[in-house]
Amino acid sequence: MYAYIKGTLEIKATDYVVVETGGIGYKVFMSETAIDKLGDLGTQVKIHTYLKVREDDMSLYGFNTNEELRMFELLLSVSGVGAKSAIVILSNITPSSFALAVITDDVGKLKKLPGIGPKTAQRIILELKDKLKAVEDTNKGELEEMLSKKEADSEKVSEAMSALQVLGYTRKEIEKAFEMFEKAELSVEDIIKKGLFYLAK
């Protein structure tokens, strides 16, 4: 319903902000990390939003970037992970690190996050990798063709590609971003970070 809210930052609290636009103040729940990145009170801000509707509650959740929003939506799709838990997780890991942990089965990194035990970490990886696998199967031929053409170290690029697909980007979007920089000497996480930089442009 709401893709984003753009307006004046009126209140910054521990777990939410209030943004005024059109004479209406919107209370938007955000992670502490995201709130810290916003400007001072009175400045103009743009917050990507997710409207959570329940029988007895309607709440807006906000994010600085589309990547954070996609990560939040992915977390909500995992059984046993609610909105509040997802927001806490967002305060403690970047979208690129999260995607990399899912792709590489890094249970250790995920279980270090607040409120995430070993079983939940394994469930996150299992459920999100299943979704990713569907994307990979759809584009398998095209992905292999792209990798064989341009990349000596195809494994690193494949992992980075998969991690960005977890965040919701299409193969064509990622391919275009990857053409903007050299990847041979970069780690998987650095490829993801640079990919996100160009995808955000």
N, C-alpha and C. Protein backbone atom coordinates (compact mmCIF):
# COMPACT_ATOMS: atom_id res chain seq x y z
N MET A 1 0.82 -1.21 0.00
CA MET A 1 0.00 0.00 0.00
C MET A 1 0.87 1.26 0.00
N TYR A 2 1.85 1.30 0.91
CA TYR A 2 2.78 2.43 0.94
C TYR A 2 4.16 1.95 0.50
N ALA A 3 4.68 2.50 -0.60
CA ALA A 3 6.02 2.12 -1.05
C ALA A 3 7.07 2.87 -0.24
N TYR A 4 6.83 4.14 0.01
CA TYR A 4 7.73 4.93 0.83
C TYR A 4 7.00 6.17 1.33
N ILE A 5 7.59 6.80 2.34
CA ILE A 5 7.07 8.06 2.87
C ILE A 5 8.18 9.09 2.80
N LYS A 6 7.88 10.25 2.26
CA LYS A 6 8.85 11.33 2.15
C LYS A 6 8.29 12.55 2.86
N GLY A 7 9.01 13.06 3.84
CA GLY A 7 8.50 14.20 4.60
C GLY A 7 9.51 14.68 5.61
N THR A 8 9.02 15.44 6.61
CA THR A 8 9.87 16.05 7.62
C THR A 8 10.00 15.14 8.84
N LEU A 9 11.23 14.92 9.26
CA LEU A 9 11.47 14.09 10.44
C LEU A 9 11.14 14.89 11.69
N GLU A 10 10.11 14.48 12.42
CA GLU A 10 9.63 15.23 13.58
C GLU A 10 10.06 14.63 14.91
N ILE A 11 10.14 13.29 14.99
CA ILE A 11 10.49 12.62 16.24
C ILE A 11 11.43 11.45 15.93
N LYS A 12 12.47 11.30 16.77
CA LYS A 12 13.35 10.13 16.72
C LYS A 12 13.34 9.49 18.11
N ALA A 13 12.80 8.28 18.21
CA ALA A 13 12.78 7.56 19.48
C ALA A 13 13.69 6.33 19.35
N THR A 14 13.66 5.47 20.35
CA THR A 14 14.54 4.29 20.34
C THR A 14 14.20 3.33 19.22
N ASP A 15 12.90 3.09 19.00
CA ASP A 15 12.52 2.08 18.01
C ASP A 15 11.55 2.60 16.95
N TYR A 16 11.32 3.89 16.90
CA TYR A 16 10.44 4.44 15.87
C TYR A 16 10.76 5.90 15.61
N VAL A 17 10.25 6.39 14.48
CA VAL A 17 10.34 7.82 14.15
C VAL A 17 8.94 8.29 13.75
N VAL A 18 8.76 9.59 13.74
CA VAL A 18 7.52 10.17 13.21
C VAL A 18 7.90 11.10 12.07
N VAL A 19 7.31 10.85 10.91
CA VAL A 19 7.55 11.66 9.72
C VAL A 19 6.25 12.35 9.34
N GLU A 20 6.32 13.68 9.19
CA GLU A 20 5.12 14.44 8.81
C GLU A 20 5.13 14.74 7.32
N THR A 21 4.03 14.42 6.68
CA THR A 21 3.85 14.75 5.28
C THR A 21 2.37 15.01 5.02
N GLY A 22 2.06 16.08 4.34
CA GLY A 22 0.67 16.42 4.06
C GLY A 22 -0.14 16.69 5.31
N GLY A 23 0.51 17.18 6.35
CA GLY A 23 -0.19 17.49 7.59
C GLY A 23 -0.49 16.30 8.46
N ILE A 24 0.04 15.11 8.08
CA ILE A 24 -0.17 13.88 8.86
C ILE A 24 1.17 13.37 9.37
N GLY A 25 1.21 12.99 10.65
CA GLY A 25 2.42 12.42 11.21
C GLY A 25 2.34 10.89 11.20
N TYR A 26 3.26 10.26 10.51
CA TYR A 26 3.28 8.80 10.40
C TYR A 26 4.30 8.22 11.39
N LYS A 27 3.84 7.33 12.25
CA LYS A 27 4.73 6.63 13.17
C LYS A 27 5.28 5.40 12.46
N VAL A 28 6.60 5.37 12.32
CA VAL A 28 7.24 4.31 11.55
C VAL A 28 8.26 3.59 12.43
N PHE A 29 8.07 2.29 12.63
CA PHE A 29 9.01 1.49 13.42
C PHE A 29 10.24 1.16 12.58
N MET A 30 11.42 1.37 13.17
CA MET A 30 12.67 1.13 12.45
C MET A 30 13.70 0.52 13.39
N SER A 31 14.73 -0.07 12.80
CA SER A 31 15.84 -0.58 13.61
C SER A 31 16.65 0.61 14.14
N GLU A 32 17.36 0.38 15.24
CA GLU A 32 18.20 1.44 15.81
C GLU A 32 19.24 1.90 14.80
N THR A 33 19.81 0.96 14.07
CA THR A 33 20.82 1.30 13.07
C THR A 33 20.25 2.22 12.00
N ALA A 34 19.05 1.91 11.53
CA ALA A 34 18.41 2.72 10.49
C ALA A 34 18.07 4.11 11.01
N ILE A 35 17.60 4.19 12.26
CA ILE A 35 17.26 5.49 12.85
C ILE A 35 18.51 6.35 12.98
N ASP A 36 19.61 5.73 13.38
CA ASP A 36 20.87 6.47 13.53
C ASP A 36 21.34 7.09 12.22
N LYS A 37 20.99 6.45 11.11
CA LYS A 37 21.44 6.94 9.80
C LYS A 37 20.59 8.10 9.28
N LEU A 38 19.44 8.32 9.89
CA LEU A 38 18.60 9.44 9.45
C LEU A 38 19.22 10.76 9.90
N GLY A 39 18.79 11.85 9.27
CA GLY A 39 19.33 13.17 9.61
C GLY A 39 18.77 13.70 10.92
N ASP A 40 19.03 14.97 11.16
CA ASP A 40 18.53 15.63 12.37
C ASP A 40 17.04 15.92 12.24
N LEU A 41 16.42 16.20 13.37
CA LEU A 41 15.00 16.58 13.35
C LEU A 41 14.80 17.82 12.48
N GLY A 42 13.70 17.80 11.74
CA GLY A 42 13.41 18.94 10.86
C GLY A 42 13.91 18.76 9.44
N THR A 43 14.73 17.72 9.20
CA THR A 43 15.23 17.49 7.85
C THR A 43 14.24 16.65 7.04
N GLN A 44 14.39 16.70 5.72
CA GLN A 44 13.55 15.91 4.83
C GLN A 44 14.13 14.50 4.70
N VAL A 45 13.30 13.50 4.86
CA VAL A 45 13.75 12.12 4.77
C VAL A 45 12.84 11.33 3.84
N LYS A 46 13.39 10.25 3.29
CA LYS A 46 12.61 9.31 2.49
C LYS A 46 12.81 7.93 3.10
N ILE A 47 11.72 7.31 3.54
CA ILE A 47 11.78 6.02 4.21
C ILE A 47 10.96 4.99 3.44
N HIS A 48 11.60 3.90 3.04
CA HIS A 48 10.89 2.79 2.39
C HIS A 48 10.07 2.08 3.46
N THR A 49 8.85 1.71 3.13
CA THR A 49 7.94 1.23 4.18
C THR A 49 7.30 -0.12 3.86
N TYR A 50 6.92 -0.78 4.95
CA TYR A 50 6.18 -2.04 4.88
C TYR A 50 5.00 -1.91 5.84
N LEU A 51 3.79 -2.08 5.34
CA LEU A 51 2.60 -1.98 6.18
C LEU A 51 2.19 -3.37 6.65
N LYS A 52 2.25 -3.56 7.97
CA LYS A 52 1.86 -4.85 8.55
C LYS A 52 0.44 -4.71 9.09
N VAL A 53 -0.47 -5.52 8.57
CA VAL A 53 -1.88 -5.44 8.95
C VAL A 53 -2.29 -6.73 9.67
N ARG A 54 -2.82 -6.54 10.88
CA ARG A 54 -3.39 -7.65 11.63
C ARG A 54 -4.79 -7.26 12.07
N GLU A 55 -5.49 -8.21 12.59
CA GLU A 55 -6.88 -7.97 12.98
C GLU A 55 -7.00 -6.82 13.98
N ASP A 56 -6.03 -6.72 14.88
CA ASP A 56 -6.11 -5.70 15.93
C ASP A 56 -5.00 -4.65 15.84
N ASP A 57 -4.30 -4.61 14.70
CA ASP A 57 -3.16 -3.69 14.63
C ASP A 57 -2.77 -3.40 13.18
N MET A 58 -2.40 -2.13 12.92
CA MET A 58 -1.80 -1.74 11.65
C MET A 58 -0.53 -0.97 11.99
N SER A 59 0.61 -1.49 11.55
CA SER A 59 1.89 -0.85 11.89
C SER A 59 2.73 -0.64 10.64
N LEU A 60 3.42 0.50 10.59
CA LEU A 60 4.34 0.80 9.50
C LEU A 60 5.76 0.52 9.95
N TYR A 61 6.50 -0.20 9.14
CA TYR A 61 7.92 -0.45 9.40
C TYR A 61 8.73 0.24 8.31
N GLY A 62 9.82 0.86 8.72
CA GLY A 62 10.59 1.67 7.77
C GLY A 62 12.03 1.24 7.60
N PHE A 63 12.59 1.59 6.43
CA PHE A 63 13.94 1.16 6.06
C PHE A 63 14.61 2.24 5.23
N ASN A 64 15.93 2.35 5.39
CA ASN A 64 16.68 3.35 4.64
C ASN A 64 16.84 2.98 3.17
N THR A 65 16.90 1.67 2.89
CA THR A 65 17.13 1.21 1.52
C THR A 65 16.17 0.09 1.15
N ASN A 66 16.06 -0.13 -0.15
CA ASN A 66 15.23 -1.24 -0.64
C ASN A 66 15.81 -2.59 -0.22
N GLU A 67 17.16 -2.66 -0.08
CA GLU A 67 17.79 -3.91 0.33
C GLU A 67 17.35 -4.31 1.73
N GLU A 68 17.28 -3.31 2.64
CA GLU A 68 16.83 -3.60 4.00
C GLU A 68 15.37 -4.04 4.00
N LEU A 69 14.56 -3.39 3.18
CA LEU A 69 13.15 -3.77 3.07
C LEU A 69 13.01 -5.20 2.56
N ARG A 70 13.78 -5.56 1.55
CA ARG A 70 13.72 -6.92 1.01
C ARG A 70 14.18 -7.95 2.04
N MET A 71 15.21 -7.59 2.79
CA MET A 71 15.68 -8.49 3.84
C MET A 71 14.60 -8.69 4.90
N PHE A 72 13.91 -7.62 5.27
CA PHE A 72 12.82 -7.69 6.24
C PHE A 72 11.71 -8.61 5.73
N GLU A 73 11.33 -8.44 4.47
CA GLU A 73 10.28 -9.27 3.88
C GLU A 73 10.70 -10.74 3.82
N LEU A 74 11.97 -10.98 3.52
CA LEU A 74 12.47 -12.36 3.51
C LEU A 74 12.38 -12.97 4.90
N LEU A 75 12.79 -12.20 5.91
CA LEU A 75 12.74 -12.71 7.28
C LEU A 75 11.32 -13.01 7.72
N LEU A 76 10.37 -12.15 7.33
CA LEU A 76 8.98 -12.37 7.70
C LEU A 76 8.42 -13.65 7.07
N SER A 77 9.00 -14.05 5.95
CA SER A 77 8.52 -15.25 5.27
C SER A 77 8.98 -16.53 5.95
N VAL A 78 9.93 -16.40 6.88
CA VAL A 78 10.44 -17.57 7.61
C VAL A 78 9.53 -17.85 8.80
N SER A 79 9.09 -19.07 8.92
CA SER A 79 8.20 -19.43 10.03
C SER A 79 8.90 -19.20 11.37
N GLY A 80 8.19 -18.54 12.27
CA GLY A 80 8.74 -18.29 13.60
C GLY A 80 9.46 -16.96 13.74
N VAL A 81 9.62 -16.21 12.64
CA VAL A 81 10.26 -14.90 12.71
C VAL A 81 9.21 -13.81 12.50
N GLY A 82 9.01 -12.99 13.52
CA GLY A 82 8.02 -11.92 13.44
C GLY A 82 8.66 -10.58 13.10
N ALA A 83 7.82 -9.55 12.99
CA ALA A 83 8.30 -8.23 12.59
C ALA A 83 9.31 -7.66 13.58
N LYS A 84 9.01 -7.79 14.88
CA LYS A 84 9.92 -7.23 15.89
C LYS A 84 11.28 -7.94 15.87
N SER A 85 11.26 -9.25 15.71
CA SER A 85 12.52 -9.99 15.63
C SER A 85 13.31 -9.58 14.39
N ALA A 86 12.60 -9.40 13.28
CA ALA A 86 13.25 -9.01 12.03
C ALA A 86 13.91 -7.65 12.16
N ILE A 87 13.25 -6.72 12.84
CA ILE A 87 13.82 -5.38 13.04
C ILE A 87 15.09 -5.45 13.89
N VAL A 88 15.07 -6.29 14.92
CA VAL A 88 16.25 -6.46 15.77
C VAL A 88 17.41 -7.04 14.95
N ILE A 89 17.10 -8.01 14.10
CA ILE A 89 18.13 -8.61 13.25
C ILE A 89 18.73 -7.56 12.32
N LEU A 90 17.87 -6.71 11.76
CA LEU A 90 18.34 -5.65 10.86
C LEU A 90 19.29 -4.69 11.55
N SER A 91 19.15 -4.54 12.87
CA SER A 91 20.04 -3.65 13.62
C SER A 91 21.43 -4.24 13.77
N ASN A 92 21.57 -5.53 13.50
CA ASN A 92 22.82 -6.21 13.83
C ASN A 92 23.55 -6.85 12.65
N ILE A 93 22.99 -6.75 11.44
CA ILE A 93 23.67 -7.32 10.28
C ILE A 93 23.23 -6.57 9.02
N THR A 94 24.16 -6.38 8.10
CA THR A 94 23.83 -5.70 6.85
C THR A 94 23.16 -6.69 5.90
N PRO A 95 22.37 -6.19 4.95
CA PRO A 95 21.73 -7.07 3.97
C PRO A 95 22.74 -7.94 3.21
N SER A 96 23.90 -7.37 2.86
CA SER A 96 24.89 -8.16 2.11
C SER A 96 25.46 -9.28 2.96
N SER A 97 25.75 -9.00 4.24
CA SER A 97 26.27 -10.05 5.13
C SER A 97 25.22 -11.12 5.40
N PHE A 98 23.98 -10.70 5.53
CA PHE A 98 22.89 -11.65 5.75
C PHE A 98 22.74 -12.58 4.55
N ALA A 99 22.70 -11.99 3.36
CA ALA A 99 22.55 -12.80 2.15
C ALA A 99 23.71 -13.77 1.99
N LEU A 100 24.92 -13.29 2.30
CA LEU A 100 26.10 -14.16 2.19
C LEU A 100 26.02 -15.32 3.17
N ALA A 101 25.54 -15.04 4.39
CA ALA A 101 25.40 -16.10 5.40
C ALA A 101 24.40 -17.16 4.95
N VAL A 102 23.31 -16.74 4.31
CA VAL A 102 22.31 -17.69 3.82
C VAL A 102 22.90 -18.56 2.71
N ILE A 103 23.57 -17.92 1.77
CA ILE A 103 24.11 -18.64 0.62
C ILE A 103 25.20 -19.63 1.03
N THR A 104 26.01 -19.26 2.02
CA THR A 104 27.15 -20.10 2.39
C THR A 104 26.85 -21.00 3.59
N ASP A 105 25.56 -21.11 3.98
CA ASP A 105 25.16 -21.97 5.10
C ASP A 105 25.90 -21.62 6.40
N ASP A 106 26.10 -20.32 6.63
CA ASP A 106 26.85 -19.87 7.79
C ASP A 106 25.93 -19.76 9.01
N VAL A 107 25.62 -20.91 9.61
CA VAL A 107 24.76 -20.94 10.79
C VAL A 107 25.38 -20.15 11.93
N GLY A 108 26.71 -20.24 12.07
CA GLY A 108 27.41 -19.55 13.15
C GLY A 108 27.17 -18.05 13.15
N LYS A 109 27.21 -17.43 11.97
CA LYS A 109 27.00 -15.98 11.90
C LYS A 109 25.56 -15.63 12.25
N LEU A 110 24.62 -16.41 11.78
CA LEU A 110 23.21 -16.10 12.03
C LEU A 110 22.82 -16.31 13.49
N LYS A 111 23.35 -17.35 14.12
CA LYS A 111 22.94 -17.63 15.50
C LYS A 111 23.53 -16.65 16.50
N LYS A 112 24.49 -15.83 16.05
CA LYS A 112 25.03 -14.76 16.90
C LYS A 112 24.09 -13.57 16.99
N LEU A 113 23.11 -13.51 16.09
CA LEU A 113 22.18 -12.39 16.08
C LEU A 113 21.21 -12.50 17.26
N PRO A 114 20.81 -11.37 17.86
CA PRO A 114 19.89 -11.40 19.01
C PRO A 114 18.58 -12.13 18.67
N GLY A 115 18.21 -13.06 19.54
CA GLY A 115 16.94 -13.77 19.37
C GLY A 115 16.98 -14.91 18.38
N ILE A 116 18.16 -15.18 17.80
CA ILE A 116 18.27 -16.26 16.81
C ILE A 116 19.11 -17.39 17.40
N GLY A 117 18.48 -18.51 17.66
CA GLY A 117 19.20 -19.69 18.13
C GLY A 117 19.60 -20.57 16.96
N PRO A 118 20.29 -21.68 17.24
CA PRO A 118 20.75 -22.57 16.17
C PRO A 118 19.61 -23.09 15.29
N LYS A 119 18.48 -23.46 15.92
CA LYS A 119 17.37 -24.00 15.13
C LYS A 119 16.77 -22.95 14.20
N THR A 120 16.60 -21.72 14.72
CA THR A 120 16.05 -20.65 13.88
C THR A 120 17.02 -20.30 12.76
N ALA A 121 18.31 -20.28 13.07
CA ALA A 121 19.32 -19.99 12.04
C ALA A 121 19.26 -21.02 10.92
N GLN A 122 19.15 -22.29 11.31
CA GLN A 122 19.05 -23.35 10.30
C GLN A 122 17.77 -23.24 9.48
N ARG A 123 16.68 -22.83 10.15
CA ARG A 123 15.40 -22.68 9.45
C ARG A 123 15.47 -21.53 8.45
N ILE A 124 16.11 -20.42 8.85
CA ILE A 124 16.27 -19.27 7.94
C ILE A 124 17.01 -19.71 6.68
N ILE A 125 18.11 -20.41 6.87
CA ILE A 125 18.91 -20.86 5.72
C ILE A 125 18.10 -21.82 4.85
N LEU A 126 17.45 -22.79 5.48
CA LEU A 126 16.69 -23.79 4.73
C LEU A 126 15.57 -23.14 3.91
N GLU A 127 14.78 -22.29 4.55
CA GLU A 127 13.61 -21.72 3.87
C GLU A 127 14.01 -20.69 2.81
N LEU A 128 15.04 -19.89 3.08
CA LEU A 128 15.42 -18.87 2.10
C LEU A 128 16.23 -19.46 0.96
N LYS A 129 17.01 -20.50 1.23
CA LYS A 129 17.75 -21.13 0.13
C LYS A 129 16.79 -21.85 -0.81
N ASP A 130 15.69 -22.38 -0.28
CA ASP A 130 14.68 -23.00 -1.14
C ASP A 130 14.11 -21.97 -2.11
N LYS A 131 13.83 -20.77 -1.61
CA LYS A 131 13.30 -19.71 -2.48
C LYS A 131 14.34 -19.32 -3.51
N LEU A 132 15.57 -19.21 -3.06
CA LEU A 132 16.64 -18.84 -3.98
C LEU A 132 16.83 -19.91 -5.05
N LYS A 133 16.74 -21.17 -4.66
CA LYS A 133 16.93 -22.26 -5.61
C LYS A 133 15.93 -22.18 -6.76
N ALA A 134 14.70 -21.77 -6.45
CA ALA A 134 13.69 -21.62 -7.50
C ALA A 134 14.12 -20.55 -8.50
N VAL A 135 14.71 -19.47 -7.99
CA VAL A 135 15.21 -18.40 -8.87
C VAL A 135 16.38 -18.91 -9.70
N GLU A 136 17.30 -19.64 -9.04
CA GLU A 136 18.46 -20.15 -9.74
C GLU A 136 18.08 -21.14 -10.84
N ASP A 137 17.11 -22.03 -10.54
CA ASP A 137 16.69 -23.02 -11.53
C ASP A 137 16.09 -22.34 -12.76
N THR A 138 15.33 -21.25 -12.52
CA THR A 138 14.70 -20.53 -13.62
C THR A 138 15.74 -19.93 -14.55
N ASN A 139 16.83 -19.41 -13.96
CA ASN A 139 17.81 -18.67 -14.74
C ASN A 139 19.13 -19.43 -14.92
N LYS A 140 19.11 -20.73 -14.65
CA LYS A 140 20.35 -21.49 -14.60
C LYS A 140 21.15 -21.39 -15.90
N GLY A 141 20.49 -21.58 -17.02
CA GLY A 141 21.19 -21.54 -18.29
C GLY A 141 21.81 -20.19 -18.57
N GLU A 142 21.03 -19.13 -18.34
CA GLU A 142 21.53 -17.78 -18.58
C GLU A 142 22.66 -17.44 -17.64
N LEU A 143 22.55 -17.84 -16.38
CA LEU A 143 23.60 -17.56 -15.40
C LEU A 143 24.90 -18.25 -15.79
N GLU A 144 24.82 -19.52 -16.18
CA GLU A 144 26.02 -20.25 -16.55
C GLU A 144 26.69 -19.63 -17.77
N GLU A 145 25.86 -19.19 -18.71
CA GLU A 145 26.40 -18.56 -19.92
C GLU A 145 27.16 -17.29 -19.57
N MET A 146 26.57 -16.47 -18.70
CA MET A 146 27.20 -15.22 -18.30
C MET A 146 28.54 -15.49 -17.60
N LEU A 147 28.54 -16.48 -16.70
CA LEU A 147 29.75 -16.76 -15.94
C LEU A 147 30.86 -17.29 -16.84
N SER A 148 30.51 -18.17 -17.78
CA SER A 148 31.53 -18.76 -18.64
C SER A 148 32.14 -17.73 -19.57
N LYS A 149 31.39 -16.71 -19.91
CA LYS A 149 31.89 -15.67 -20.82
C LYS A 149 32.93 -14.78 -20.15
N LYS A 150 32.64 -14.35 -18.93
CA LYS A 150 33.39 -13.23 -18.38
C LYS A 150 34.23 -13.52 -17.15
N GLU A 151 33.95 -14.59 -16.42
CA GLU A 151 34.56 -14.73 -15.10
C GLU A 151 35.49 -15.93 -14.99
N ALA A 152 36.75 -15.65 -14.54
CA ALA A 152 37.69 -16.73 -14.28
C ALA A 152 37.32 -17.44 -12.98
N ASP A 153 36.97 -16.66 -11.98
CA ASP A 153 36.59 -17.26 -10.69
C ASP A 153 35.08 -17.28 -10.59
N SER A 154 34.45 -18.24 -11.26
CA SER A 154 33.00 -18.25 -11.37
C SER A 154 32.31 -18.56 -10.05
N GLU A 155 33.00 -19.28 -9.16
CA GLU A 155 32.36 -19.66 -7.90
C GLU A 155 32.04 -18.43 -7.05
N LYS A 156 33.02 -17.51 -6.94
CA LYS A 156 32.79 -16.29 -6.16
C LYS A 156 31.66 -15.46 -6.75
N VAL A 157 31.67 -15.29 -8.06
CA VAL A 157 30.66 -14.48 -8.71
C VAL A 157 29.29 -15.13 -8.60
N SER A 158 29.26 -16.48 -8.70
CA SER A 158 28.00 -17.20 -8.56
C SER A 158 27.40 -17.00 -7.17
N GLU A 159 28.25 -17.06 -6.13
CA GLU A 159 27.77 -16.85 -4.77
C GLU A 159 27.25 -15.43 -4.59
N ALA A 160 27.99 -14.46 -5.15
CA ALA A 160 27.56 -13.06 -5.05
C ALA A 160 26.25 -12.85 -5.80
N MET A 161 26.15 -13.44 -6.98
CA MET A 161 24.92 -13.36 -7.76
C MET A 161 23.73 -13.92 -6.97
N SER A 162 23.94 -15.09 -6.36
CA SER A 162 22.87 -15.73 -5.60
C SER A 162 22.47 -14.88 -4.40
N ALA A 163 23.46 -14.29 -3.72
CA ALA A 163 23.17 -13.45 -2.56
C ALA A 163 22.33 -12.24 -2.95
N LEU A 164 22.63 -11.65 -4.07
CA LEU A 164 21.86 -10.48 -4.53
C LEU A 164 20.47 -10.89 -4.99
N GLN A 165 20.35 -12.11 -5.53
CA GLN A 165 19.02 -12.60 -5.88
C GLN A 165 18.17 -12.83 -4.64
N VAL A 166 18.82 -13.24 -3.53
CA VAL A 166 18.11 -13.38 -2.27
C VAL A 166 17.47 -12.04 -1.88
N LEU A 167 18.17 -10.96 -2.19
CA LEU A 167 17.68 -9.62 -1.83
C LEU A 167 16.65 -9.09 -2.83
N GLY A 168 16.33 -9.88 -3.85
CA GLY A 168 15.22 -9.51 -4.72
C GLY A 168 15.58 -8.96 -6.09
N TYR A 169 16.88 -8.87 -6.40
CA TYR A 169 17.27 -8.34 -7.71
C TYR A 169 17.18 -9.44 -8.79
N THR A 170 16.92 -9.03 -10.01
CA THR A 170 16.85 -9.98 -11.12
C THR A 170 18.24 -10.23 -11.68
N ARG A 171 18.37 -11.33 -12.41
CA ARG A 171 19.67 -11.65 -13.02
C ARG A 171 20.14 -10.52 -13.93
N LYS A 172 19.23 -9.94 -14.72
CA LYS A 172 19.63 -8.89 -15.65
C LYS A 172 20.13 -7.65 -14.92
N GLU A 173 19.46 -7.29 -13.82
CA GLU A 173 19.90 -6.14 -13.02
C GLU A 173 21.29 -6.37 -12.45
N ILE A 174 21.52 -7.58 -11.95
CA ILE A 174 22.82 -7.90 -11.34
C ILE A 174 23.91 -7.94 -12.41
N GLU A 175 23.60 -8.54 -13.55
CA GLU A 175 24.57 -8.63 -14.63
C GLU A 175 25.02 -7.25 -15.07
N LYS A 176 24.08 -6.33 -15.19
CA LYS A 176 24.41 -4.96 -15.60
C LYS A 176 25.30 -4.29 -14.57
N ALA A 177 25.00 -4.49 -13.27
CA ALA A 177 25.81 -3.91 -12.21
C ALA A 177 27.22 -4.50 -12.20
N PHE A 178 27.32 -5.81 -12.41
CA PHE A 178 28.61 -6.49 -12.38
C PHE A 178 29.52 -6.03 -13.53
N GLU A 179 28.93 -5.54 -14.60
CA GLU A 179 29.74 -5.05 -15.72
C GLU A 179 30.46 -3.75 -15.38
N MET A 180 30.10 -3.12 -14.28
CA MET A 180 30.64 -1.81 -13.94
C MET A 180 31.96 -1.88 -13.17
N PHE A 181 32.40 -3.08 -12.75
CA PHE A 181 33.64 -3.16 -11.98
C PHE A 181 34.32 -4.51 -12.16
N GLU A 182 35.64 -4.51 -11.87
CA GLU A 182 36.43 -5.74 -11.94
C GLU A 182 36.21 -6.57 -10.69
N LYS A 183 36.07 -7.88 -10.86
CA LYS A 183 35.74 -8.73 -9.72
C LYS A 183 36.83 -9.75 -9.37
N ALA A 184 37.83 -9.87 -10.23
CA ALA A 184 38.82 -10.96 -10.10
C ALA A 184 39.52 -10.97 -8.74
N GLU A 185 39.88 -9.81 -8.20
CA GLU A 185 40.65 -9.76 -6.96
C GLU A 185 39.78 -9.53 -5.73
N LEU A 186 38.47 -9.52 -5.89
CA LEU A 186 37.58 -9.19 -4.77
C LEU A 186 37.06 -10.44 -4.08
N SER A 187 36.75 -10.31 -2.79
CA SER A 187 36.10 -11.38 -2.06
C SER A 187 34.62 -11.41 -2.42
N VAL A 188 33.92 -12.47 -2.02
CA VAL A 188 32.49 -12.57 -2.31
C VAL A 188 31.74 -11.38 -1.71
N GLU A 189 32.07 -11.06 -0.45
CA GLU A 189 31.34 -9.97 0.21
C GLU A 189 31.63 -8.63 -0.46
N ASP A 190 32.86 -8.42 -0.92
CA ASP A 190 33.19 -7.17 -1.61
C ASP A 190 32.46 -7.07 -2.94
N ILE A 191 32.32 -8.21 -3.62
CA ILE A 191 31.55 -8.21 -4.88
C ILE A 191 30.10 -7.83 -4.60
N ILE A 192 29.53 -8.39 -3.52
CA ILE A 192 28.15 -8.06 -3.15
C ILE A 192 28.02 -6.58 -2.84
N LYS A 193 28.96 -6.05 -2.05
CA LYS A 193 28.89 -4.63 -1.66
C LYS A 193 28.98 -3.72 -2.88
N LYS A 194 29.93 -4.03 -3.78
CA LYS A 194 30.06 -3.20 -4.99
C LYS A 194 28.83 -3.36 -5.88
N GLY A 195 28.31 -4.59 -5.95
CA GLY A 195 27.10 -4.82 -6.73
C GLY A 195 25.94 -3.99 -6.19
N LEU A 196 25.78 -3.97 -4.87
CA LEU A 196 24.70 -3.18 -4.25
C LEU A 196 24.90 -1.69 -4.54
N PHE A 197 26.16 -1.24 -4.54
CA PHE A 197 26.44 0.17 -4.82
C PHE A 197 25.92 0.57 -6.20
N TYR A 198 26.23 -0.25 -7.21
CA TYR A 198 25.80 0.07 -8.57
C TYR A 198 24.31 -0.21 -8.77
N LEU A 199 23.76 -1.18 -8.09
CA LEU A 199 22.32 -1.46 -8.21
C LEU A 199 21.48 -0.33 -7.63
N ALA A 200 22.04 0.38 -6.64
CA ALA A 200 21.30 1.47 -6.00
C ALA A 200 21.28 2.74 -6.83
N LYS A 201 22.10 2.80 -7.88
CA LYS A 201 22.18 4.02 -8.71
C LYS A 201 20.98 4.14 -9.63
